[in-house]
Protein backbone atom coordinates (compact mmCIF):
# COMPACT_ATOMS: atom_id res chain seq x y z
CA MET A 1 -10.67 -34.29 -10.33
CA ASP A 2 -14.40 -33.63 -10.18
CA ILE A 3 -14.92 -32.55 -6.60
CA ASN A 4 -18.71 -32.66 -6.99
CA LYS A 5 -18.52 -36.44 -7.34
CA ILE A 6 -16.22 -37.02 -4.38
CA THR A 7 -18.22 -36.74 -1.20
CA THR A 8 -16.86 -39.59 0.95
CA LEU A 9 -13.48 -40.74 2.18
CA GLY A 10 -13.79 -43.94 0.14
CA GLN A 11 -14.32 -42.01 -3.09
CA LEU A 12 -11.33 -39.80 -2.21
CA LYS A 13 -9.15 -42.88 -1.80
CA ALA A 14 -10.43 -44.34 -5.08
CA ALA A 15 -9.45 -41.11 -6.86
CA ALA A 16 -5.87 -41.65 -5.60
CA TYR A 17 -5.85 -38.22 -3.99
CA LYS A 18 -2.71 -37.45 -2.00
CA SER A 19 -2.75 -34.75 0.63
CA LYS A 20 0.32 -32.67 1.39
CA PRO A 21 1.25 -30.02 3.99
CA ILE A 22 0.46 -26.42 3.11
CA LYS A 23 4.15 -25.47 2.91
CA GLU A 24 4.72 -28.26 0.37
CA GLU A 25 1.63 -27.11 -1.49
CA LEU A 26 2.98 -23.55 -1.72
CA ARG A 27 6.42 -24.81 -2.67
CA ASP A 28 5.21 -27.13 -5.45
CA ASN A 29 2.95 -24.51 -7.03
CA LEU A 30 5.69 -21.88 -6.84
CA ARG A 31 8.11 -24.26 -8.57
CA GLU A 32 5.64 -24.62 -11.42
CA LYS A 33 5.21 -20.86 -11.74
CA ILE A 34 8.96 -20.24 -11.76
CA LYS A 35 9.54 -22.95 -14.37
CA SER A 36 6.78 -21.56 -16.60
CA GLY A 37 8.03 -17.99 -16.24
CA LYS A 38 4.72 -16.76 -14.77
CA PRO A 39 4.84 -14.09 -12.02
CA ALA A 40 3.95 -15.44 -8.59
CA PHE A 41 3.11 -12.02 -7.16
CA GLU A 42 1.35 -10.17 -9.94
CA GLY A 43 0.45 -6.52 -9.39
CA VAL A 44 3.32 -5.76 -6.98
CA HIS A 45 5.76 -3.32 -8.58
CA GLY A 46 9.29 -2.37 -7.61
CA TYR A 47 10.07 -5.61 -5.79
CA GLU A 48 11.06 -7.69 -8.83
CA ASN A 49 14.77 -7.76 -7.92
CA THR A 50 14.60 -7.34 -4.16
CA VAL A 51 11.65 -8.52 -2.06
CA ILE A 52 10.02 -11.06 -4.39
CA PRO A 53 13.16 -13.21 -4.91
CA GLU A 54 13.65 -13.31 -1.13
CA LEU A 55 10.00 -14.23 -0.61
CA GLU A 56 10.21 -16.99 -3.19
CA ARG A 57 13.33 -18.38 -1.53
CA ALA A 58 11.53 -18.39 1.83
CA ILE A 59 8.57 -20.29 0.35
CA LEU A 60 10.88 -22.82 -1.32
CA SER A 61 12.56 -23.24 2.08
CA ARG A 62 9.16 -23.87 3.75
CA HIS A 63 9.71 -20.99 6.17
CA ASN A 64 7.32 -18.97 8.25
CA ILE A 65 7.90 -15.37 7.20
CA ASN A 66 8.16 -11.95 8.81
CA LEU A 67 7.72 -9.00 6.43
CA LEU A 68 9.49 -6.06 8.05
CA GLY A 69 8.93 -2.58 6.66
CA LEU A 70 7.37 0.84 7.05
CA ARG A 71 3.68 1.49 6.42
CA GLY A 72 2.35 1.39 2.90
CA GLN A 73 4.93 -1.05 1.53
CA ALA A 74 2.50 -3.76 0.34
CA LYS A 75 3.30 -6.21 3.14
CA THR A 76 -0.28 -7.41 3.55
CA ARG A 77 -0.80 -7.49 -0.21
CA LEU A 78 2.17 -9.84 -0.60
CA ALA A 79 0.67 -12.11 2.05
CA ARG A 80 -2.71 -12.16 0.32
CA LEU A 81 -1.15 -12.91 -3.05
CA MET A 82 0.27 -16.13 -1.60
CA LEU A 83 -3.28 -17.48 -1.89
CA ASN A 84 -2.60 -17.86 -5.61
CA LEU A 85 0.05 -20.47 -4.78
CA LEU A 86 -2.45 -22.75 -3.04
CA ASP A 87 -4.34 -25.60 -4.73
CA GLU A 88 -7.78 -24.52 -5.84
CA TYR A 89 -9.56 -26.99 -3.54
CA ILE A 90 -8.54 -29.30 -0.71
CA PRO A 91 -10.73 -31.93 1.00
CA TYR A 92 -11.59 -31.87 4.70
CA VAL A 93 -13.77 -33.89 7.03
CA SER A 94 -17.29 -32.45 6.87
CA GLY A 95 -18.27 -30.65 10.06
CA SER A 96 -14.69 -30.27 11.30
CA GLU A 97 -14.00 -26.95 13.00
CA ILE A 98 -10.32 -27.11 12.11
CA ASN A 99 -10.39 -28.34 8.50
CA ASP A 100 -9.18 -31.87 9.36
CA ASP A 101 -7.30 -33.66 6.59
CA PRO A 102 -9.29 -36.87 5.95
CA PHE A 103 -6.03 -38.84 5.75
CA GLN A 104 -4.40 -37.23 8.80
CA PRO A 105 -7.15 -36.11 11.21
CA ILE A 106 -5.99 -34.30 14.33
CA SER A 107 -9.21 -33.37 16.16
CA ARG A 108 -11.16 -35.73 18.38
CA PHE A 109 -14.28 -35.04 16.31
CA ALA A 110 -12.68 -36.13 13.03
CA LYS A 111 -10.93 -39.16 14.51
CA ASP A 112 -14.16 -40.41 16.11
CA LEU A 113 -16.15 -39.81 12.92
CA ILE A 114 -13.67 -41.69 10.74
CA ALA A 115 -13.50 -44.52 13.28
CA GLU A 116 -17.30 -44.78 13.21
CA LYS A 117 -18.00 -44.40 9.47
CA GLY A 118 -14.76 -45.42 7.80
CA ASP A 119 -14.91 -44.95 4.02
CA ASP A 120 -18.41 -43.47 4.34
CA THR A 121 -17.03 -40.47 6.23
CA PRO A 122 -18.48 -37.37 4.52
CA ILE A 123 -15.96 -35.10 2.78
CA SER A 124 -16.29 -31.40 1.92
CA TRP A 125 -14.05 -29.20 -0.19
CA LEU A 126 -12.38 -25.96 0.88
CA HIS A 127 -11.62 -23.32 -1.77
CA ARG A 128 -8.33 -21.46 -1.55
CA SER A 129 -10.17 -18.13 -1.12
CA ASP A 130 -11.37 -19.46 2.25
CA ARG A 131 -7.86 -20.41 3.36
CA PHE A 132 -6.67 -16.96 4.38
CA PHE A 133 -6.97 -15.72 7.96
CA GLU A 134 -5.81 -12.33 9.12
CA LYS A 135 -5.55 -10.83 12.58
CA LEU A 136 -4.43 -7.32 13.48
CA ALA A 137 -2.32 -7.51 16.61
CA THR A 138 -3.62 -5.11 19.24
CA PRO A 139 -2.88 -4.95 22.97
CA ASP A 140 -6.32 -6.36 23.81
CA VAL A 141 -5.83 -9.64 21.88
CA THR A 142 -5.98 -12.60 24.27
CA VAL A 143 -4.74 -16.18 24.22
CA ALA A 144 -8.39 -17.26 24.05
CA ASP A 145 -8.82 -15.26 20.83
CA LEU A 146 -5.84 -16.90 19.15
CA ILE A 147 -5.61 -20.37 20.72
CA GLY A 148 -8.95 -21.10 22.38
CA ASP A 149 -10.74 -21.49 25.73
CA ILE A 150 -13.28 -23.65 27.56
CA ASP A 151 -16.82 -22.95 26.35
CA PRO A 152 -19.33 -23.27 29.24
CA ILE A 153 -22.30 -23.08 26.86
CA LYS A 154 -20.96 -26.05 24.87
CA ALA A 155 -20.45 -27.94 28.13
CA ALA A 156 -24.02 -27.28 29.18
CA ASN A 157 -25.52 -28.20 25.80
CA LEU A 158 -23.52 -31.44 25.54
CA LYS A 159 -23.94 -32.16 29.28
CA LEU A 160 -20.20 -32.56 29.68
CA SER A 161 -17.93 -31.58 32.54
CA TYR A 162 -15.15 -29.03 32.16
CA ALA A 163 -12.73 -31.97 32.42
CA ASP A 164 -13.80 -33.19 28.97
CA ASP A 165 -11.75 -31.86 26.03
CA ARG A 166 -14.91 -31.69 23.90
CA VAL A 167 -15.93 -28.48 25.71
CA ILE A 168 -12.98 -26.59 24.21
CA HIS A 169 -13.74 -23.72 21.86
CA PHE A 170 -10.94 -23.36 19.35
CA GLY A 171 -9.48 -19.93 18.66
CA MET A 172 -8.50 -18.37 15.33
CA ILE A 173 -5.23 -20.26 14.87
CA PRO A 174 -6.59 -23.83 15.19
CA ARG A 175 -9.51 -22.84 12.96
CA ALA A 176 -6.97 -21.72 10.37
CA ASN A 177 -5.46 -25.20 10.18
CA ARG A 178 -4.18 -25.91 6.63
CA CYS A 179 -4.46 -22.19 5.83
CA ILE A 180 -2.33 -19.07 5.59
CA PHE A 181 -2.49 -17.12 8.86
CA VAL A 182 -1.32 -13.50 8.94
CA ILE A 183 -0.67 -11.51 12.10
CA ASN A 184 -0.27 -7.84 11.21
CA GLU A 185 1.80 -5.47 13.38
CA LEU A 186 3.25 -8.34 15.42
CA PRO A 187 5.16 -6.11 17.91
CA ASP A 188 1.83 -4.74 19.16
CA LEU A 189 1.00 -8.22 20.47
CA GLN A 190 1.72 -8.42 24.19
CA ALA A 191 4.81 -10.46 25.06
CA ARG A 192 2.78 -13.06 27.00
CA ILE A 193 0.61 -13.61 23.90
CA GLN A 194 3.68 -13.95 21.69
CA VAL A 195 4.95 -16.65 24.06
CA ALA A 196 1.77 -18.64 23.38
CA LEU A 197 2.87 -18.93 19.73
CA PHE A 198 6.19 -20.65 20.52
CA ASN A 199 4.98 -24.24 20.51
CA ILE A 200 2.60 -23.73 17.61
CA LEU A 201 5.47 -22.53 15.44
CA GLN A 202 7.96 -25.19 16.50
CA GLU A 203 6.51 -28.23 18.26
CA GLY A 204 2.90 -28.11 17.07
CA ASP A 205 1.16 -28.65 20.40
CA ILE A 206 -1.11 -26.17 22.17
CA GLN A 207 -2.38 -25.83 25.72
CA ILE A 208 -5.83 -24.54 26.66
CA ARG A 209 -6.74 -24.08 30.31
CA GLY A 210 -4.55 -26.95 31.40
CA TYR A 211 -5.42 -29.23 28.47
CA LYS A 212 -2.29 -30.24 26.63
CA LEU A 213 -3.51 -31.02 23.15
CA ARG A 214 -1.18 -32.56 20.62
CA LEU A 215 -2.61 -30.80 17.60
CA VAL A 216 -0.04 -30.87 14.84
CA LEU A 217 -1.38 -27.82 13.07
CA ASP A 218 -0.44 -27.44 9.42
CA MET A 219 -0.09 -23.73 8.78
CA GLN A 220 1.80 -21.07 6.89
CA PHE A 221 2.43 -18.15 9.22
CA ILE A 222 3.16 -14.69 7.86
CA PHE A 223 3.87 -11.81 10.21
CA THR A 224 4.16 -8.13 9.38
CA ALA A 225 5.94 -5.54 11.46
CA ASN A 226 7.13 -1.96 11.33
CA PRO A 227 10.83 -1.63 12.29
CA GLU A 228 10.03 1.42 14.39
CA ASP A 229 7.70 -0.73 16.53
CA TYR A 230 10.72 -2.54 17.94
CA THR A 231 11.49 0.52 20.03
CA ASN A 232 8.21 2.47 20.15
CA ARG A 233 5.17 0.39 21.04
CA GLY A 234 6.66 -3.03 21.65
CA SER A 235 9.01 -5.64 20.33
CA ILE A 236 9.08 -9.16 18.97
CA VAL A 237 10.37 -11.38 21.74
CA THR A 238 13.66 -13.07 20.86
CA PRO A 239 12.51 -16.73 21.06
CA LEU A 240 9.65 -15.94 18.67
CA LYS A 241 11.99 -14.25 16.19
CA ASP A 242 14.18 -17.34 16.41
CA ARG A 243 11.24 -19.51 15.32
CA ILE A 244 10.43 -17.40 12.24
CA GLY A 245 12.38 -18.80 9.31
CA SER A 246 12.88 -15.72 7.11
CA GLN A 247 12.70 -12.01 7.84
CA ILE A 248 12.28 -10.00 4.63
CA LEU A 249 12.79 -6.24 4.44
CA THR A 250 10.35 -4.31 2.25
CA HIS A 251 10.93 -0.82 0.87
CA TYR A 252 9.30 2.10 -0.93
CA PRO A 253 9.43 2.48 -4.74
CA GLU A 254 12.92 3.43 -5.86
CA SER A 255 11.86 5.44 -8.92
CA VAL A 256 9.08 7.81 -9.94
CA ALA A 257 8.18 5.50 -12.84
CA THR A 258 7.55 2.59 -10.46
CA ALA A 259 5.57 4.80 -8.09
CA ARG A 260 3.41 5.94 -11.02
CA ARG A 261 2.57 2.36 -11.95
CA ILE A 262 1.47 1.66 -8.39
CA THR A 263 -0.66 4.80 -8.15
CA GLU A 264 -2.35 4.28 -11.51
CA GLN A 265 -3.10 0.67 -10.58
CA GLU A 266 -4.45 1.39 -7.10
CA ALA A 267 -6.32 4.69 -7.54
CA ARG A 268 -10.08 4.25 -7.38
CA LEU A 269 -11.43 6.40 -10.18
CA ASP A 270 -14.92 6.85 -11.56
CA SER A 271 -14.91 6.18 -15.29
CA ARG A 272 -16.49 9.61 -15.74
CA GLN A 273 -13.45 11.19 -14.07
CA SER A 274 -11.09 9.54 -16.52
CA GLU A 275 -13.25 10.67 -19.43
CA THR A 276 -13.56 14.24 -18.16
CA VAL A 277 -10.07 14.97 -16.86
CA HIS A 278 -6.82 14.70 -18.80
CA VAL A 279 -3.73 14.35 -16.61
CA PRO A 280 -0.44 15.38 -18.26
CA SER A 281 2.47 13.00 -17.79
CA LEU A 282 4.45 15.70 -15.98
CA ALA A 283 1.60 16.15 -13.50
CA LYS A 284 1.75 12.44 -12.63
CA ASP A 285 5.51 12.63 -12.15
CA LEU A 286 5.25 15.73 -9.96
CA LEU A 287 2.65 14.05 -7.79
CA GLU A 288 4.88 11.01 -7.21
CA GLN A 289 7.89 13.21 -6.53
CA ILE A 290 6.02 14.75 -3.59
CA SER A 291 6.30 11.43 -1.71
CA PHE A 292 10.01 11.24 -2.47
CA GLU A 293 10.47 14.79 -1.17
CA ALA A 294 8.44 13.96 1.93
CA ARG A 295 10.69 11.00 2.76
CA GLU A 296 13.68 13.36 2.76
CA SER A 297 12.00 16.33 4.45
CA GLU A 298 13.42 17.62 7.71
CA PHE A 299 9.89 18.43 8.87
CA ILE A 300 8.61 14.86 8.54
CA ASP A 301 9.45 11.89 10.74
CA ASN A 302 11.11 9.57 8.22
CA LYS A 303 11.21 6.75 10.76
CA SER A 304 7.42 6.42 10.54
CA GLY A 305 7.58 6.43 6.75
CA VAL A 306 5.48 8.05 4.04
CA SER A 307 2.99 5.50 2.78
CA ALA A 308 2.44 4.79 -0.91
CA ARG A 309 -1.21 5.44 -0.06
CA MET A 310 -0.38 9.15 0.08
CA SER A 311 0.28 9.30 -3.66
CA ILE A 312 -2.81 7.20 -4.38
CA THR A 313 -5.19 9.41 -2.40
CA ALA A 314 -3.45 12.57 -3.67
CA TYR A 315 -3.98 11.41 -7.26
CA GLU A 316 -7.67 10.82 -6.54
CA ASN A 317 -7.94 14.30 -5.01
CA LEU A 318 -6.13 15.85 -7.96
CA LEU A 319 -8.62 14.46 -10.46
CA SER A 320 -11.55 15.37 -8.21
CA THR A 321 -10.31 18.97 -8.01
CA ALA A 322 -10.26 19.26 -11.80
CA GLU A 323 -13.57 17.40 -12.11
CA ARG A 324 -15.28 19.72 -9.64
CA ARG A 325 -14.13 22.78 -11.59
CA ALA A 326 -15.38 21.29 -14.87
CA LEU A 327 -18.77 20.53 -13.33
CA ARG A 328 -19.10 24.05 -11.92
CA ASN A 329 -18.19 25.53 -15.30
CA GLY A 330 -20.47 23.20 -17.26
CA GLU A 331 -17.56 21.73 -19.23
CA ASP A 332 -17.35 18.16 -20.53
CA LYS A 333 -13.56 18.09 -20.69
CA THR A 334 -10.75 19.72 -18.74
CA ILE A 335 -7.05 19.36 -18.05
CA VAL A 336 -5.34 19.15 -14.69
CA ARG A 337 -3.66 22.44 -13.80
CA LEU A 338 -0.73 22.98 -11.50
CA SER A 339 -2.93 25.15 -9.29
CA ASP A 340 -5.13 22.05 -8.85
CA PHE A 341 -2.33 20.57 -6.74
CA MET A 342 -3.58 22.69 -3.85
CA GLY A 343 -6.51 20.27 -3.79
CA ILE A 344 -4.26 17.39 -2.74
CA ILE A 345 -3.11 19.04 0.49
CA PRO A 346 -5.72 17.18 2.64
CA ALA A 347 -4.36 13.90 1.26
CA ILE A 348 -0.84 14.88 2.34
CA THR A 349 -1.54 16.29 5.79
CA GLY A 350 -3.35 13.14 6.88
CA LYS A 351 -0.57 10.82 5.77
CA VAL A 352 2.59 12.31 7.28
CA GLU A 353 3.91 12.38 10.84
CA LEU A 354 5.53 15.74 11.56
CA VAL A 355 8.50 16.29 13.85
CA TYR A 356 8.47 19.24 16.26
CA GLU A 357 9.75 21.69 13.64
CA GLY A 358 7.08 20.53 11.23
CA GLU A 359 4.36 21.07 13.84
CA GLN A 360 5.64 24.60 14.29
CA GLU A 361 5.43 25.22 10.54
CA GLY A 362 1.96 23.71 10.27
CA ALA A 363 0.87 20.65 8.27
CA ALA A 364 -0.64 22.68 5.40
CA ILE A 365 2.51 24.79 4.97
CA VAL A 366 4.68 21.67 4.98
CA ALA A 367 2.43 20.13 2.30
CA GLN A 368 2.68 23.28 0.14
CA ASN A 369 6.45 23.24 0.53
CA LEU A 370 6.57 19.61 -0.62
CA ILE A 371 4.70 20.54 -3.79
CA GLY A 372 7.17 23.38 -4.35
CA ASP A 373 10.14 21.09 -3.72
CA SER A 374 8.78 18.65 -6.28
CA ILE A 375 8.57 21.41 -8.90
CA HIS A 376 12.07 22.61 -7.97
CA THR A 377 13.46 19.10 -8.50
CA PHE A 378 11.86 18.54 -11.91
CA PHE A 379 12.34 22.00 -13.41
CA PRO A 380 15.97 21.59 -14.60
CA GLY A 381 14.95 18.44 -16.47
CA TYR A 382 12.72 20.43 -18.81
CA PHE A 383 14.22 23.91 -19.01
CA PRO A 384 17.68 25.53 -18.68
CA LYS A 385 19.13 25.43 -15.21
CA ILE A 386 18.78 28.61 -13.17
CA GLU A 387 22.02 29.52 -11.44
CA LYS A 388 21.93 30.88 -7.92
CA LEU A 389 24.37 33.66 -8.80
CA GLU A 390 23.91 35.59 -12.04
CA LYS A 391 25.41 38.86 -13.19
CA ALA A 392 22.89 41.70 -13.37
CA ASP A 393 23.33 42.33 -17.09
CA ASP A 394 23.51 38.69 -18.19
CA LYS A 395 20.79 37.54 -20.56
CA THR A 396 19.24 34.19 -19.71
CA ALA A 397 16.54 32.03 -21.23
CA TYR A 398 14.10 33.67 -18.83
CA THR A 399 15.07 37.32 -19.17
CA GLU A 400 12.33 38.23 -21.65
CA LEU A 401 9.68 36.45 -19.57
CA ILE A 402 10.76 38.17 -16.34
CA GLU A 403 10.81 41.54 -18.11
CA TRP A 404 7.23 40.90 -19.26
CA PHE A 405 6.15 40.59 -15.65
CA PHE A 406 8.00 43.78 -14.73
CA THR A 407 6.26 45.64 -17.56
CA GLU A 408 2.77 44.13 -17.20
CA SER A 409 2.74 44.00 -13.39
CA GLY A 410 1.84 40.30 -13.45
CA PHE A 411 -1.55 38.60 -13.71
CA GLU A 412 -4.14 36.68 -11.72
CA LEU A 413 -5.02 33.01 -12.27
CA PRO A 414 -8.42 32.15 -10.72
CA ASP A 415 -8.96 28.61 -9.47
CA GLU A 416 -12.35 28.35 -11.17
CA ALA A 417 -11.38 29.89 -14.52
CA THR A 418 -12.99 28.13 -17.47
CA ASN A 419 -10.76 26.32 -19.97
CA SER A 420 -10.96 29.21 -22.45
CA GLU A 421 -10.22 31.81 -19.74
CA TYR A 422 -7.30 29.78 -18.43
CA GLN A 423 -5.80 29.36 -21.89
CA LYS A 424 -6.25 33.03 -22.79
CA ILE A 425 -4.51 34.16 -19.60
CA LEU A 426 -1.46 32.01 -20.40
CA ASP A 427 -1.53 32.78 -24.14
CA ASP A 428 -1.34 36.50 -23.38
CA ILE A 429 2.14 35.93 -21.96
CA ALA A 430 3.97 35.88 -25.31
CA PRO A 431 7.48 35.06 -23.96
CA LEU A 432 6.02 31.93 -22.34
CA GLU A 433 5.03 30.48 -25.71
CA LYS A 434 8.49 31.28 -27.14
CA LEU A 435 10.13 29.47 -24.24
CA LEU A 436 8.08 26.33 -24.87
CA GLN A 437 8.72 26.40 -28.62
CA LYS A 438 12.44 26.57 -28.01
CA TYR A 439 12.90 24.05 -25.19
CA GLN A 440 9.81 21.79 -25.42
CA PRO A 441 8.88 21.82 -29.13
CA GLU A 442 7.55 18.24 -29.08
CA MET A 443 5.32 18.69 -26.06
CA PRO A 444 1.83 17.22 -26.79
CA ALA A 445 -0.69 19.96 -27.52
CA GLU A 446 -2.99 18.88 -24.67
CA ASP A 447 -0.11 19.25 -22.17
CA ARG A 448 1.20 22.64 -23.28
CA TYR A 449 -0.85 24.78 -20.93
CA PHE A 450 0.15 22.69 -17.94
CA MET A 451 3.77 23.13 -19.02
CA LYS A 452 3.30 26.91 -19.29
CA GLU A 453 2.01 27.02 -15.74
CA PHE A 454 4.86 24.75 -14.67
CA VAL A 455 7.35 27.35 -15.97
CA LEU A 456 5.76 30.05 -13.83
CA TRP A 457 5.70 27.91 -10.67
CA GLY A 458 9.28 26.87 -11.39
CA LEU A 459 10.45 30.49 -11.63
CA VAL A 460 8.74 31.14 -8.31
CA GLU A 461 10.62 28.24 -6.71
CA TYR A 462 13.90 29.63 -8.07
CA ASN A 463 13.06 33.10 -6.77
CA LYS A 464 12.64 34.73 -10.17
CA LEU A 465 8.93 35.55 -9.76
CA SER A 466 6.61 35.95 -6.79
CA LYS A 467 3.36 34.07 -6.23
CA ASP A 468 0.67 35.14 -3.78
CA ARG A 469 -2.48 33.35 -2.79
CA PHE A 470 -5.76 35.27 -2.73
CA SER A 471 -9.22 33.94 -1.92
CA GLU A 472 -10.05 32.84 -5.47
CA GLY A 473 -6.70 31.92 -6.98
CA TYR A 474 -3.08 32.98 -7.44
CA GLN A 475 -1.37 36.20 -8.40
CA PHE A 476 2.00 36.05 -10.19
CA LYS A 477 4.22 39.15 -10.17
CA ASP A 478 7.72 40.32 -10.90
CA LEU A 479 9.78 39.53 -7.79
CA TYR A 480 11.23 42.99 -7.23
CA GLY A 481 8.09 44.75 -8.32
CA SER A 482 6.22 42.98 -5.55
CA TYR A 483 8.83 44.11 -3.05
CA ILE A 484 8.41 47.70 -4.19
CA SER A 485 4.63 47.49 -3.94
CA LYS A 486 4.89 46.37 -0.34
CA LEU A 487 7.07 49.33 0.67
């Protein structure tokens, strides 16, 4: 259908156009996607077998939807992706404030215009990108904002009394007629405002300042809420919950691999960063594991959640840390180092809610501990497990390396060391190279130095070596030697 040639109601009728409610529109287009095997919610990972099937069932059932989950679980993104299930264009009566369907007008303006002009009624076309409305629920939202109010300026300009319904100024919801309307953080909406939504969801009529308007609004409502909000800041009133067809629980990624896909997709990187900085696969896994450790940490309030945004911003900081070092050293290429992970601490501290014990520890210390926990978790997957109890004379895979530290009294690893300096420092530790050749012989050459540093940090986490921070970097020592030096 060539929408440029259809500009009147008569032409729309001649084209045999049939309008349909938005929920039918979503349902029909979803049916086609499912039958063709195309993804309806492209770019959302980890929900393929959980959230997305439930969301598709809700759409097929023509339900209004409540997405319930902790922060950073792609609730709003899912809502926005529903735009792809709408028709590309729909017709509406030109000049209508509420996108009146030419075949089923509901406003006085559209009805009067069609009665006056008939088939010559002018028609405009609304693109699906303009059919998404979003409102963040805050305590200061009013009924006038959502539903509407009497407009004294309109009354004065039109020389009408307040008793005339033409002086009404429609709020966001009527203006979103035939659109997707999202209310984020629904529990933050005051109970009296939630009550105003009852009839819109069920009966379709609204009331503005005593005017009872029978406006059968055609809308797809999507609400988002945090489960903790039910007890903290507010709650969804029971009659409103009863009018929402499907409540769908979202969740965090269930595997590091899924979390990596999300981070790599969402991270905003300068192309020059990607060209300058190489990120070993292990570094990406460690970074994602930090979020998993945070969600289990006793110092972090797991009820408030640990957003997927933490990994995204941490990844951006990680690359920026390596990039900054390369720029300072005048190098065109560099590799992420484990010591660069200290650069992601600001991305962690701003994204987690600490419990009392965590506040006592301090946000930066908690963040450092999360990095250490991540290393501790991954270490046995790459190198022999370190037992808590070992006999004094037993030889282990790490004996020669630990003895090197006892003999050489350790070494210093500056944060701003050039690539050649960094590699020389690690190459001078001969037992470290032997360990990699034995247990990680197929490690890519560009990742080997990161893996060497990973061994050292891992031995620190398992209390085999000591690591101390000084102003310009880290100092690694034999564990017992450092004790002796302190005496």
